[in-house]
Amino acid sequence: MDNIQNVLTERARTHGDFEHVAKMSQNLKHMMKSTRAFEDLDYYMAESLEQMAMKIARILSGNCFDKDHWADISGYATLVVRQIERVEMERLITEQVGESNNWANKQNAPDEPEEV
């Protein structure tokens, strides 16, 4: 039990008071979710923004000089960029395969019958 208390005491120094962080984080998330744009986000974008909201709450409630908070926000943004790039690459490959199949089908199509 002492170990848990030590962890909680250390986290309070870096992250701030849990109740304050939770309230601020939930308020930020509520504000984000109340926008029309939030509905258009893919699941990974929404999750990343929600995690960022929690990190912002920690920055504003705890030690704003704790580099881990800032690095975590950067990490969540990077994960979204990577997923967007992955989705774009898959779309391009699918389009190229489709174009290649169309070309191959045209090459293998029987010639038009001659008119008589």
PDB file of N, CA and C in Angstrom:
ATOM      1  N   MET A   1       0.822  -1.196   0.000  1.00  0.00           N
ATOM      2  CA  MET A   1       0.000   0.000   0.000  1.00  0.00           C
ATOM      3  C   MET A   1       0.863   1.256   0.000  1.00  0.00           C
ATOM      4  N   ASP A   2       2.002   1.196   0.713  1.00  0.00           N
ATOM      5  CA  ASP A   2       2.900   2.349   0.738  1.00  0.00           C
ATOM      6  C   ASP A   2       3.404   2.680  -0.653  1.00  0.00           C
ATOM      7  N   ASN A   3       3.658   1.637  -1.470  1.00  0.00           N
ATOM      8  CA  ASN A   3       4.140   1.854  -2.829  1.00  0.00           C
ATOM      9  C   ASN A   3       3.110   2.610  -3.660  1.00  0.00           C
ATOM     10  N   ILE A   4       1.850   2.235  -3.539  1.00  0.00           N
ATOM     11  CA  ILE A   4       0.781   2.928  -4.260  1.00  0.00           C
ATOM     12  C   ILE A   4       0.709   4.381  -3.817  1.00  0.00           C
ATOM     13  N   GLN A   5       0.804   4.624  -2.539  1.00  0.00           N
ATOM     14  CA  GLN A   5       0.758   5.994  -2.026  1.00  0.00           C
ATOM     15  C   GLN A   5       1.936   6.804  -2.551  1.00  0.00           C
ATOM     16  N   ASN A   6       3.102   6.189  -2.646  1.00  0.00           N
ATOM     17  CA  ASN A   6       4.273   6.882  -3.202  1.00  0.00           C
ATOM     18  C   ASN A   6       4.046   7.261  -4.660  1.00  0.00           C
ATOM     19  N   VAL A   7       3.479   6.341  -5.419  1.00  0.00           N
ATOM     20  CA  VAL A   7       3.175   6.616  -6.831  1.00  0.00           C
ATOM     21  C   VAL A   7       2.161   7.754  -6.933  1.00  0.00           C
ATOM     22  N   LEU A   8       1.103   7.696  -6.124  1.00  0.00           N
ATOM     23  CA  LEU A   8       0.072   8.734  -6.171  1.00  0.00           C
ATOM     24  C   LEU A   8       0.627  10.101  -5.773  1.00  0.00           C
ATOM     25  N   THR A   9       1.511  10.124  -4.796  1.00  0.00           N
ATOM     26  CA  THR A   9       2.128  11.385  -4.362  1.00  0.00           C
ATOM     27  C   THR A   9       3.001  11.955  -5.473  1.00  0.00           C
ATOM     28  N   GLU A  10       3.773  11.102  -6.114  1.00  0.00           N
ATOM     29  CA  GLU A  10       4.631  11.556  -7.225  1.00  0.00           C
ATOM     30  C   GLU A  10       3.785  12.046  -8.401  1.00  0.00           C
ATOM     31  N   ARG A  11       2.725  11.309  -8.724  1.00  0.00           N
ATOM     32  CA  ARG A  11       1.851  11.718  -9.830  1.00  0.00           C
ATOM     33  C   ARG A  11       1.165  13.054  -9.533  1.00  0.00           C
ATOM     34  N   ALA A  12       0.816  13.276  -8.310  1.00  0.00           N
ATOM     35  CA  ALA A  12       0.199  14.563  -7.940  1.00  0.00           C
ATOM     36  C   ALA A  12       1.172  15.708  -8.208  1.00  0.00           C
ATOM     37  N   ARG A  13       2.455  15.460  -7.995  1.00  0.00           N
ATOM     38  CA  ARG A  13       3.455  16.505  -8.271  1.00  0.00           C
ATOM     39  C   ARG A  13       3.580  16.794  -9.764  1.00  0.00           C
ATOM     40  N   THR A  14       3.579  15.748 -10.563  1.00  0.00           N
ATOM     41  CA  THR A  14       3.764  15.952 -12.006  1.00  0.00           C
ATOM     42  C   THR A  14       2.453  16.210 -12.740  1.00  0.00           C
ATOM     43  N   HIS A  15       1.373  15.563 -12.309  1.00  0.00           N
ATOM     44  CA  HIS A  15       0.101  15.628 -13.043  1.00  0.00           C
ATOM     45  C   HIS A  15      -0.917  16.566 -12.413  1.00  0.00           C
ATOM     46  N   GLY A  16      -0.727  16.923 -11.162  1.00  0.00           N
ATOM     47  CA  GLY A  16      -1.702  17.745 -10.470  1.00  0.00           C
ATOM     48  C   GLY A  16      -2.714  16.907  -9.713  1.00  0.00           C
ATOM     49  N   ASP A  17      -3.611  17.580  -9.038  1.00  0.00           N
ATOM     50  CA  ASP A  17      -4.667  16.928  -8.267  1.00  0.00           C
ATOM     51  C   ASP A  17      -5.594  16.160  -9.209  1.00  0.00           C
ATOM     52  N   PHE A  18      -5.814  14.875  -8.925  1.00  0.00           N
ATOM     53  CA  PHE A  18      -6.592  14.021  -9.817  1.00  0.00           C
ATOM     54  C   PHE A  18      -7.980  14.592 -10.095  1.00  0.00           C
ATOM     55  N   GLU A  19      -8.676  15.047  -9.066  1.00  0.00           N
ATOM     56  CA  GLU A  19     -10.031  15.563  -9.255  1.00  0.00           C
ATOM     57  C   GLU A  19     -10.023  16.772 -10.193  1.00  0.00           C
ATOM     58  N   HIS A  20      -9.056  17.654 -10.005  1.00  0.00           N
ATOM     59  CA  HIS A  20      -8.961  18.849 -10.858  1.00  0.00           C
ATOM     60  C   HIS A  20      -8.640  18.462 -12.301  1.00  0.00           C
ATOM     61  N   VAL A  21      -7.700  17.538 -12.475  1.00  0.00           N
ATOM     62  CA  VAL A  21      -7.333  17.071 -13.816  1.00  0.00           C
ATOM     63  C   VAL A  21      -8.534  16.410 -14.490  1.00  0.00           C
ATOM     64  N   ALA A  22      -9.227  15.553 -13.755  1.00  0.00           N
ATOM     65  CA  ALA A  22     -10.375  14.846 -14.323  1.00  0.00           C
ATOM     66  C   ALA A  22     -11.465  15.814 -14.760  1.00  0.00           C
ATOM     67  N   LYS A  23     -11.742  16.798 -13.926  1.00  0.00           N
ATOM     68  CA  LYS A  23     -12.791  17.774 -14.258  1.00  0.00           C
ATOM     69  C   LYS A  23     -12.403  18.579 -15.494  1.00  0.00           C
ATOM     70  N   MET A  24     -11.160  19.064 -15.526  1.00  0.00           N
ATOM     71  CA  MET A  24     -10.720  19.858 -16.677  1.00  0.00           C
ATOM     72  C   MET A  24     -10.693  19.006 -17.939  1.00  0.00           C
ATOM     73  N   SER A  25     -10.206  17.787 -17.833  1.00  0.00           N
ATOM     74  CA  SER A  25     -10.146  16.890 -18.980  1.00  0.00           C
ATOM     75  C   SER A  25     -11.540  16.608 -19.535  1.00  0.00           C
ATOM     76  N   GLN A  26     -12.489  16.313 -18.659  1.00  0.00           N
ATOM     77  CA  GLN A  26     -13.861  16.041 -19.090  1.00  0.00           C
ATOM     78  C   GLN A  26     -14.498  17.273 -19.723  1.00  0.00           C
ATOM     79  N   ASN A  27     -14.209  18.447 -19.178  1.00  0.00           N
ATOM     80  CA  ASN A  27     -14.733  19.687 -19.767  1.00  0.00           C
ATOM     81  C   ASN A  27     -14.170  19.912 -21.168  1.00  0.00           C
ATOM     82  N   LEU A  28     -12.866  19.694 -21.332  1.00  0.00           N
ATOM     83  CA  LEU A  28     -12.262  19.838 -22.662  1.00  0.00           C
ATOM     84  C   LEU A  28     -12.862  18.839 -23.646  1.00  0.00           C
ATOM     85  N   LYS A  29     -13.025  17.596 -23.211  1.00  0.00           N
ATOM     86  CA  LYS A  29     -13.599  16.563 -24.076  1.00  0.00           C
ATOM     87  C   LYS A  29     -15.039  16.902 -24.440  1.00  0.00           C
ATOM     88  N   HIS A  30     -15.790  17.401 -23.476  1.00  0.00           N
ATOM     89  CA  HIS A  30     -17.171  17.796 -23.750  1.00  0.00           C
ATOM     90  C   HIS A  30     -17.214  18.906 -24.800  1.00  0.00           C
ATOM     91  N   MET A  31     -16.347  19.885 -24.656  1.00  0.00           N
ATOM     92  CA  MET A  31     -16.297  20.977 -25.637  1.00  0.00           C
ATOM     93  C   MET A  31     -15.959  20.444 -27.027  1.00  0.00           C
ATOM     94  N   MET A  32     -14.987  19.533 -27.109  1.00  0.00           N
ATOM     95  CA  MET A  32     -14.615  18.976 -28.409  1.00  0.00           C
ATOM     96  C   MET A  32     -15.778  18.204 -29.021  1.00  0.00           C
ATOM     97  N   LYS A  33     -16.430  17.377 -28.202  1.00  0.00           N
ATOM     98  CA  LYS A  33     -17.519  16.537 -28.703  1.00  0.00           C
ATOM     99  C   LYS A  33     -18.749  17.340 -29.097  1.00  0.00           C
ATOM    100  N   SER A  34     -18.863  18.559 -28.593  1.00  0.00           N
ATOM    101  CA  SER A  34     -20.032  19.373 -28.915  1.00  0.00           C
ATOM    102  C   SER A  34     -19.904  20.075 -30.264  1.00  0.00           C
ATOM    103  N   THR A  35     -18.762  19.938 -30.921  1.00  0.00           N
ATOM    104  CA  THR A  35     -18.579  20.570 -32.225  1.00  0.00           C
ATOM    105  C   THR A  35     -19.089  19.656 -33.332  1.00  0.00           C
ATOM    106  N   ARG A  36     -19.485  20.241 -34.410  1.00  0.00           N
ATOM    107  CA  ARG A  36     -19.930  19.477 -35.581  1.00  0.00           C
ATOM    108  C   ARG A  36     -18.755  18.687 -36.160  1.00  0.00           C
ATOM    109  N   ALA A  37     -17.579  19.265 -36.137  1.00  0.00           N
ATOM    110  CA  ALA A  37     -16.403  18.626 -36.732  1.00  0.00           C
ATOM    111  C   ALA A  37     -16.039  17.321 -36.032  1.00  0.00           C
ATOM    112  N   PHE A  38     -16.330  17.211 -34.744  1.00  0.00           N
ATOM    113  CA  PHE A  38     -15.965  16.002 -34.003  1.00  0.00           C
ATOM    114  C   PHE A  38     -16.644  14.770 -34.597  1.00  0.00           C
ATOM    115  N   GLU A  39     -17.860  14.948 -35.097  1.00  0.00           N
ATOM    116  CA  GLU A  39     -18.604  13.829 -35.697  1.00  0.00           C
ATOM    117  C   GLU A  39     -17.912  13.279 -36.938  1.00  0.00           C
ATOM    118  N   ASP A  40     -17.117  14.115 -37.604  1.00  0.00           N
ATOM    119  CA  ASP A  40     -16.457  13.701 -38.840  1.00  0.00           C
ATOM    120  C   ASP A  40     -15.134  12.988 -38.604  1.00  0.00           C
ATOM    121  N   LEU A  41     -14.656  12.983 -37.369  1.00  0.00           N
ATOM    122  CA  LEU A  41     -13.364  12.370 -37.078  1.00  0.00           C
ATOM    123  C   LEU A  41     -13.444  10.852 -37.141  1.00  0.00           C
ATOM    124  N   ASP A  42     -12.388  10.230 -37.611  1.00  0.00           N
ATOM    125  CA  ASP A  42     -12.274   8.788 -37.486  1.00  0.00           C
ATOM    126  C   ASP A  42     -11.989   8.464 -36.030  1.00  0.00           C
ATOM    127  N   TYR A  43     -12.227   7.219 -35.640  1.00  0.00           N
ATOM    128  CA  TYR A  43     -12.083   6.805 -34.239  1.00  0.00           C
ATOM    129  C   TYR A  43     -10.695   7.111 -33.682  1.00  0.00           C
ATOM    130  N   TYR A  44      -9.661   6.922 -34.476  1.00  0.00           N
ATOM    131  CA  TYR A  44      -8.308   7.157 -33.974  1.00  0.00           C
ATOM    132  C   TYR A  44      -8.020   8.644 -33.782  1.00  0.00           C
ATOM    133  N   MET A  45      -8.652   9.494 -34.585  1.00  0.00           N
ATOM    134  CA  MET A  45      -8.506  10.938 -34.418  1.00  0.00           C
ATOM    135  C   MET A  45      -9.184  11.396 -33.126  1.00  0.00           C
ATOM    136  N   ALA A  46     -10.400  10.904 -32.915  1.00  0.00           N
ATOM    137  CA  ALA A  46     -11.146  11.260 -31.702  1.00  0.00           C
ATOM    138  C   ALA A  46     -10.391  10.805 -30.456  1.00  0.00           C
ATOM    139  N   GLU A  47      -9.896   9.580 -30.484  1.00  0.00           N
ATOM    140  CA  GLU A  47      -9.162   9.060 -29.330  1.00  0.00           C
ATOM    141  C   GLU A  47      -7.904   9.879 -29.069  1.00  0.00           C
ATOM    142  N   SER A  48      -7.203  10.226 -30.112  1.00  0.00           N
ATOM    143  CA  SER A  48      -5.989  11.028 -29.962  1.00  0.00           C
ATOM    144  C   SER A  48      -6.304  12.384 -29.341  1.00  0.00           C
ATOM    145  N   LEU A  49      -7.348  13.034 -29.829  1.00  0.00           N
ATOM    146  CA  LEU A  49      -7.735  14.331 -29.261  1.00  0.00           C
ATOM    147  C   LEU A  49      -8.147  14.206 -27.801  1.00  0.00           C
ATOM    148  N   GLU A  50      -8.850  13.129 -27.466  1.00  0.00           N
ATOM    149  CA  GLU A  50      -9.253  12.940 -26.074  1.00  0.00           C
ATOM    150  C   GLU A  50      -8.035  12.718 -25.178  1.00  0.00           C
ATOM    151  N   GLN A  51      -7.072  11.955 -25.663  1.00  0.00           N
ATOM    152  CA  GLN A  51      -5.849  11.762 -24.886  1.00  0.00           C
ATOM    153  C   GLN A  51      -5.084  13.080 -24.741  1.00  0.00           C
ATOM    154  N   MET A  52      -5.076  13.870 -25.799  1.00  0.00           N
ATOM    155  CA  MET A  52      -4.422  15.185 -25.730  1.00  0.00           C
ATOM    156  C   MET A  52      -5.106  16.081 -24.709  1.00  0.00           C
ATOM    157  N   ALA A  53      -6.437  16.004 -24.638  1.00  0.00           N
ATOM    158  CA  ALA A  53      -7.178  16.810 -23.662  1.00  0.00           C
ATOM    159  C   ALA A  53      -6.736  16.464 -22.248  1.00  0.00           C
ATOM    160  N   MET A  54      -6.557  15.175 -21.985  1.00  0.00           N
ATOM    161  CA  MET A  54      -6.102  14.754 -20.672  1.00  0.00           C
ATOM    162  C   MET A  54      -4.693  15.273 -20.399  1.00  0.00           C
ATOM    163  N   LYS A  55      -3.829  15.220 -21.409  1.00  0.00           N
ATOM    164  CA  LYS A  55      -2.459  15.722 -21.245  1.00  0.00           C
ATOM    165  C   LYS A  55      -2.462  17.231 -21.015  1.00  0.00           C
ATOM    166  N   ILE A  56      -3.318  17.947 -21.727  1.00  0.00           N
ATOM    167  CA  ILE A  56      -3.428  19.401 -21.524  1.00  0.00           C
ATOM    168  C   ILE A  56      -3.891  19.694 -20.107  1.00  0.00           C
ATOM    169  N   ALA A  57      -4.862  18.924 -19.624  1.00  0.00           N
ATOM    170  CA  ALA A  57      -5.338  19.107 -18.250  1.00  0.00           C
ATOM    171  C   ALA A  57      -4.208  18.875 -17.259  1.00  0.00           C
ATOM    172  N   ARG A  58      -3.371  17.885 -17.511  1.00  0.00           N
ATOM    173  CA  ARG A  58      -2.232  17.635 -16.626  1.00  0.00           C
ATOM    174  C   ARG A  58      -1.229  18.785 -16.669  1.00  0.00           C
ATOM    175  N   ILE A  59      -0.988  19.306 -17.866  1.00  0.00           N
ATOM    176  CA  ILE A  59      -0.059  20.435 -17.996  1.00  0.00           C
ATOM    177  C   ILE A  59      -0.567  21.629 -17.195  1.00  0.00           C
ATOM    178  N   LEU A  60      -1.858  21.897 -17.301  1.00  0.00           N
ATOM    179  CA  LEU A  60      -2.437  23.073 -16.645  1.00  0.00           C
ATOM    180  C   LEU A  60      -2.673  22.863 -15.152  1.00  0.00           C
ATOM    181  N   SER A  61      -2.690  21.615 -14.709  1.00  0.00           N
ATOM    182  CA  SER A  61      -2.945  21.322 -13.305  1.00  0.00           C
ATOM    183  C   SER A  61      -1.684  20.935 -12.536  1.00  0.00           C
ATOM    184  N   GLY A  62      -0.716  20.419 -13.246  1.00  0.00           N
ATOM    185  CA  GLY A  62       0.478  19.895 -12.585  1.00  0.00           C
ATOM    186  C   GLY A  62       1.718  20.686 -12.958  1.00  0.00           C
ATOM    187  N   ASN A  63       2.763  19.948 -13.271  1.00  0.00           N
ATOM    188  CA  ASN A  63       4.043  20.552 -13.618  1.00  0.00           C
ATOM    189  C   ASN A  63       4.101  20.789 -15.121  1.00  0.00           C
ATOM    190  N   CYS A  64       3.961  22.031 -15.529  1.00  0.00           N
ATOM    191  CA  CYS A  64       3.942  22.354 -16.961  1.00  0.00           C
ATOM    192  C   CYS A  64       5.312  22.162 -17.608  1.00  0.00           C
ATOM    193  N   PHE A  65       6.350  21.977 -16.801  1.00  0.00           N
ATOM    194  CA  PHE A  65       7.692  21.765 -17.338  1.00  0.00           C
ATOM    195  C   PHE A  65       8.049  20.280 -17.459  1.00  0.00           C
ATOM    196  N   ASP A  66       7.102  19.422 -17.155  1.00  0.00           N
ATOM    197  CA  ASP A  66       7.334  17.985 -17.318  1.00  0.00           C
ATOM    198  C   ASP A  66       7.282  17.677 -18.812  1.00  0.00           C
ATOM    199  N   LYS A  67       8.436  17.363 -19.383  1.00  0.00           N
ATOM    200  CA  LYS A  67       8.545  17.158 -20.833  1.00  0.00           C
ATOM    201  C   LYS A  67       7.686  16.001 -21.329  1.00  0.00           C
ATOM    202  N   ASP A  68       7.430  15.025 -20.469  1.00  0.00           N
ATOM    203  CA  ASP A  68       6.646  13.868 -20.892  1.00  0.00           C
ATOM    204  C   ASP A  68       5.247  14.259 -21.349  1.00  0.00           C
ATOM    205  N   HIS A  69       4.634  15.232 -20.684  1.00  0.00           N
ATOM    206  CA  HIS A  69       3.297  15.679 -21.102  1.00  0.00           C
ATOM    207  C   HIS A  69       3.342  16.177 -22.549  1.00  0.00           C
ATOM    208  N   TRP A  70       4.314  17.005 -22.835  1.00  0.00           N
ATOM    209  CA  TRP A  70       4.448  17.597 -24.171  1.00  0.00           C
ATOM    210  C   TRP A  70       4.813  16.535 -25.201  1.00  0.00           C
ATOM    211  N   ALA A  71       5.711  15.633 -24.828  1.00  0.00           N
ATOM    212  CA  ALA A  71       6.101  14.557 -25.749  1.00  0.00           C
ATOM    213  C   ALA A  71       4.910  13.644 -26.044  1.00  0.00           C
ATOM    214  N   ASP A  72       4.086  13.390 -25.038  1.00  0.00           N
ATOM    215  CA  ASP A  72       2.906  12.540 -25.246  1.00  0.00           C
ATOM    216  C   ASP A  72       1.939  13.181 -26.237  1.00  0.00           C
ATOM    217  N   ILE A  73       1.727  14.492 -26.114  1.00  0.00           N
ATOM    218  CA  ILE A  73       0.842  15.184 -27.063  1.00  0.00           C
ATOM    219  C   ILE A  73       1.396  15.052 -28.477  1.00  0.00           C
ATOM    220  N   SER A  74       2.693  15.269 -28.614  1.00  0.00           N
ATOM    221  CA  SER A  74       3.343  15.116 -29.914  1.00  0.00           C
ATOM    222  C   SER A  74       3.190  13.690 -30.432  1.00  0.00           C
ATOM    223  N   GLY A  75       3.319  12.729 -29.534  1.00  0.00           N
ATOM    224  CA  GLY A  75       3.175  11.327 -29.925  1.00  0.00           C
ATOM    225  C   GLY A  75       1.785  11.001 -30.435  1.00  0.00           C
ATOM    226  N   TYR A  76       0.758  11.505 -29.757  1.00  0.00           N
ATOM    227  CA  TYR A  76      -0.616  11.247 -30.212  1.00  0.00           C
ATOM    228  C   TYR A  76      -0.865  11.883 -31.580  1.00  0.00           C
ATOM    229  N   ALA A  77      -0.320  13.071 -31.798  1.00  0.00           N
ATOM    230  CA  ALA A  77      -0.464  13.720 -33.104  1.00  0.00           C
ATOM    231  C   ALA A  77       0.268  12.913 -34.185  1.00  0.00           C
ATOM    232  N   THR A  78       1.447  12.424 -33.854  1.00  0.00           N
ATOM    233  CA  THR A  78       2.222  11.619 -34.799  1.00  0.00           C
ATOM    234  C   THR A  78       1.494  10.335 -35.168  1.00  0.00           C
ATOM    235  N   LEU A  79       0.855   9.708 -34.192  1.00  0.00           N
ATOM    236  CA  LEU A  79       0.089   8.492 -34.482  1.00  0.00           C
ATOM    237  C   LEU A  79      -1.033   8.761 -35.477  1.00  0.00           C
ATOM    238  N   VAL A  80      -1.700   9.902 -35.350  1.00  0.00           N
ATOM    239  CA  VAL A  80      -2.770  10.250 -36.287  1.00  0.00           C
ATOM    240  C   VAL A  80      -2.190  10.479 -37.674  1.00  0.00           C
ATOM    241  N   VAL A  81      -1.088  11.215 -37.758  1.00  0.00           N
ATOM    242  CA  VAL A  81      -0.458  11.468 -39.060  1.00  0.00           C
ATOM    243  C   VAL A  81      -0.082  10.143 -39.725  1.00  0.00           C
ATOM    244  N   ARG A  82       0.496   9.231 -38.970  1.00  0.00           N
ATOM    245  CA  ARG A  82       0.876   7.928 -39.533  1.00  0.00           C
ATOM    246  C   ARG A  82      -0.331   7.151 -40.026  1.00  0.00           C
ATOM    247  N   GLN A  83      -1.425   7.190 -39.287  1.00  0.00           N
ATOM    248  CA  GLN A  83      -2.632   6.470 -39.704  1.00  0.00           C
ATOM    249  C   GLN A  83      -3.223   7.097 -40.966  1.00  0.00           C
ATOM    250  N   ILE A  84      -3.236   8.417 -41.029  1.00  0.00           N
ATOM    251  CA  ILE A  84      -3.729   9.093 -42.240  1.00  0.00           C
ATOM    252  C   ILE A  84      -2.876   8.697 -43.434  1.00  0.00           C
ATOM    253  N   GLU A  85      -1.561   8.692 -43.254  1.00  0.00           N
ATOM    254  CA  GLU A  85      -0.660   8.303 -44.345  1.00  0.00           C
ATOM    255  C   GLU A  85      -0.890   6.857 -44.764  1.00  0.00           C
ATOM    256  N   ARG A  86      -1.124   5.972 -43.794  1.00  0.00           N
ATOM    257  CA  ARG A  86      -1.384   4.551 -44.087  1.00  0.00           C
ATOM    258  C   ARG A  86      -2.672   4.409 -44.904  1.00  0.00           C
ATOM    259  N   VAL A  87      -3.708   5.113 -44.493  1.00  0.00           N
ATOM    260  CA  VAL A  87      -4.992   5.053 -45.197  1.00  0.00           C
ATOM    261  C   VAL A  87      -4.842   5.605 -46.616  1.00  0.00           C
ATOM    262  N   GLU A  88      -4.116   6.716 -46.756  1.00  0.00           N
ATOM    263  CA  GLU A  88      -3.893   7.287 -48.087  1.00  0.00           C
ATOM    264  C   GLU A  88      -3.129   6.316 -48.980  1.00  0.00           C
ATOM    265  N   MET A  89      -2.109   5.667 -48.423  1.00  0.00           N
ATOM    266  CA  MET A  89      -1.316   4.711 -49.200  1.00  0.00           C
ATOM    267  C   MET A  89      -2.184   3.534 -49.636  1.00  0.00           C
ATOM    268  N   GLU A  90      -3.011   3.011 -48.746  1.00  0.00           N
ATOM    269  CA  GLU A  90      -3.896   1.904 -49.098  1.00  0.00           C
ATOM    270  C   GLU A  90      -4.868   2.315 -50.195  1.00  0.00           C
ATOM    271  N   ARG A  91      -5.376   3.551 -50.114  1.00  0.00           N
ATOM    272  CA  ARG A  91      -6.296   4.041 -51.145  1.00  0.00           C
ATOM    273  C   ARG A  91      -5.592   4.131 -52.495  1.00  0.00           C
ATOM    274  N   LEU A  92      -4.359   4.662 -52.501  1.00  0.00           N
ATOM    275  CA  LEU A  92      -3.604   4.774 -53.753  1.00  0.00           C
ATOM    276  C   LEU A  92      -3.320   3.406 -54.357  1.00  0.00           C
ATOM    277  N   ILE A  93      -2.939   2.453 -53.511  1.00  0.00           N
ATOM    278  CA  ILE A  93      -2.664   1.105 -54.000  1.00  0.00           C
ATOM    279  C   ILE A  93      -3.923   0.487 -54.582  1.00  0.00           C
ATOM    280  N   THR A  94      -5.044   0.652 -53.894  1.00  0.00           N
ATOM    281  CA  THR A  94      -6.314   0.116 -54.380  1.00  0.00           C
ATOM    282  C   THR A  94      -6.680   0.737 -55.726  1.00  0.00           C
ATOM    283  N   GLU A  95      -6.493   2.043 -55.844  1.00  0.00           N
ATOM    284  CA  GLU A  95      -6.788   2.715 -57.117  1.00  0.00           C
ATOM    285  C   GLU A  95      -5.876   2.217 -58.225  1.00  0.00           C
ATOM    286  N   GLN A  96      -4.590   2.053 -57.911  1.00  0.00           N
ATOM    287  CA  GLN A  96      -3.644   1.584 -58.929  1.00  0.00           C
ATOM    288  C   GLN A  96      -3.943   0.161 -59.352  1.00  0.00           C
ATOM    289  N   VAL A  97      -4.311  -0.694 -58.407  1.00  0.00           N
ATOM    290  CA  VAL A  97      -4.665  -2.071 -58.740  1.00  0.00           C
ATOM    291  C   VAL A  97      -5.918  -2.072 -59.611  1.00  0.00           C
ATOM    292  N   GLY A  98      -6.882  -1.224 -59.274  1.00  0.00           N
ATOM    293  CA  GLY A  98      -8.099  -1.123 -60.078  1.00  0.00           C
ATOM    294  C   GLY A  98      -7.806  -0.658 -61.494  1.00  0.00           C
ATOM    295  N   GLU A  99      -6.935   0.345 -61.644  1.00  0.00           N
ATOM    296  CA  GLU A  99      -6.566   0.837 -62.973  1.00  0.00           C
ATOM    297  C   GLU A  99      -5.811  -0.237 -63.747  1.00  0.00           C
ATOM    298  N   SER A 100      -4.942  -0.961 -63.052  1.00  0.00           N
ATOM    299  CA  SER A 100      -4.178  -2.032 -63.687  1.00  0.00           C
ATOM    300  C   SER A 100      -5.106  -3.141 -64.160  1.00  0.00           C
ATOM    301  N   ASN A 101      -6.101  -3.493 -63.344  1.00  0.00           N
ATOM    302  CA  ASN A 101      -7.071  -4.525 -63.730  1.00  0.00           C
ATOM    303  C   ASN A 101      -7.904  -4.068 -64.917  1.00  0.00           C
ATOM    304  N   ASN A 102      -8.295  -2.796 -64.942  1.00  0.00           N
ATOM    305  CA  ASN A 102      -9.060  -2.267 -66.070  1.00  0.00           C
ATOM    306  C   ASN A 102      -8.243  -2.350 -67.347  1.00  0.00           C
ATOM    307  N   TRP A 103      -6.962  -1.994 -67.272  1.00  0.00           N
ATOM    308  CA  TRP A 103      -6.089  -2.050 -68.436  1.00  0.00           C
ATOM    309  C   TRP A 103      -5.942  -3.492 -68.910  1.00  0.00           C
ATOM    310  N   ALA A 104      -5.732  -4.420 -67.963  1.00  0.00           N
ATOM    311  CA  ALA A 104      -5.566  -5.832 -68.316  1.00  0.00           C
ATOM    312  C   ALA A 104      -6.838  -6.379 -68.942  1.00  0.00           C
ATOM    313  N   ASN A 105      -7.983  -5.994 -68.414  1.00  0.00           N
ATOM    314  CA  ASN A 105      -9.253  -6.471 -68.971  1.00  0.00           C
ATOM    315  C   ASN A 105      -9.443  -5.969 -70.394  1.00  0.00           C
ATOM    316  N   LYS A 106      -9.026  -4.734 -70.665  1.00  0.00           N
ATOM    317  CA  LYS A 106      -9.135  -4.195 -72.023  1.00  0.00           C
ATOM    318  C   LYS A 106      -8.217  -4.941 -72.974  1.00  0.00           C
ATOM    319  N   GLN A 107      -7.032  -5.314 -72.490  1.00  0.00           N
ATOM    320  CA  GLN A 107      -6.063  -6.027 -73.342  1.00  0.00           C
ATOM    321  C   GLN A 107      -6.549  -7.433 -73.664  1.00  0.00           C
ATOM    322  N   ASN A 108      -7.280  -8.041 -72.746  1.00  0.00           N
ATOM    323  CA  ASN A 108      -7.731  -9.416 -72.942  1.00  0.00           C
ATOM    324  C   ASN A 108      -9.140  -9.497 -73.537  1.00  0.00           C
ATOM    325  N   ALA A 109      -9.768  -8.382 -73.743  1.00  0.00           N
ATOM    326  CA  ALA A 109     -11.135  -8.378 -74.272  1.00  0.00           C
ATOM    327  C   ALA A 109     -11.108  -8.839 -75.729  1.00  0.00           C
ATOM    328  N   PRO A 110     -12.108  -9.605 -76.131  1.00  0.00           N
ATOM    329  CA  PRO A 110     -12.157 -10.024 -77.535  1.00  0.00           C
ATOM    330  C   PRO A 110     -12.367  -8.814 -78.442  1.00  0.00           C
ATOM    331  N   ASP A 111     -11.835  -8.946 -79.648  1.00  0.00           N
ATOM    332  CA  ASP A 111     -12.020  -7.866 -80.614  1.00  0.00           C
ATOM    333  C   ASP A 111     -13.487  -7.723 -80.956  1.00  0.00           C
ATOM    334  N   GLU A 112     -13.834  -6.518 -81.336  1.00  0.00           N
ATOM    335  CA  GLU A 112     -15.206  -6.267 -81.776  1.00  0.00           C
ATOM    336  C   GLU A 112     -15.464  -7.073 -83.036  1.00  0.00           C
ATOM    337  N   PRO A 113     -16.613  -7.697 -83.130  1.00  0.00           N
ATOM    338  CA  PRO A 113     -16.910  -8.423 -84.371  1.00  0.00           C
ATOM    339  C   PRO A 113     -17.026  -7.440 -85.537  1.00  0.00           C
ATOM    340  N   GLU A 114     -16.596  -7.919 -86.704  1.00  0.00           N
ATOM    341  CA  GLU A 114     -16.694  -7.071 -87.887  1.00  0.00           C
ATOM    342  C   GLU A 114     -18.139  -6.981 -88.327  1.00  0.00           C
ATOM    343  N   GLU A 115     -18.466  -5.826 -88.843  1.00  0.00           N
ATOM    344  CA  GLU A 115     -19.829  -5.677 -89.354  1.00  0.00           C
ATOM    345  C   GLU A 115     -19.925  -6.317 -90.718  1.00  0.00           C
ATOM    346  N   VAL A 116     -21.059  -6.896 -91.006  1.00  0.00           N
ATOM    347  CA  VAL A 116     -21.277  -7.509 -92.306  1.00  0.00           C
ATOM    348  C   VAL A 116     -22.253  -6.773 -93.120  1.00  0.00           C
TER     349      VAL A 116
END
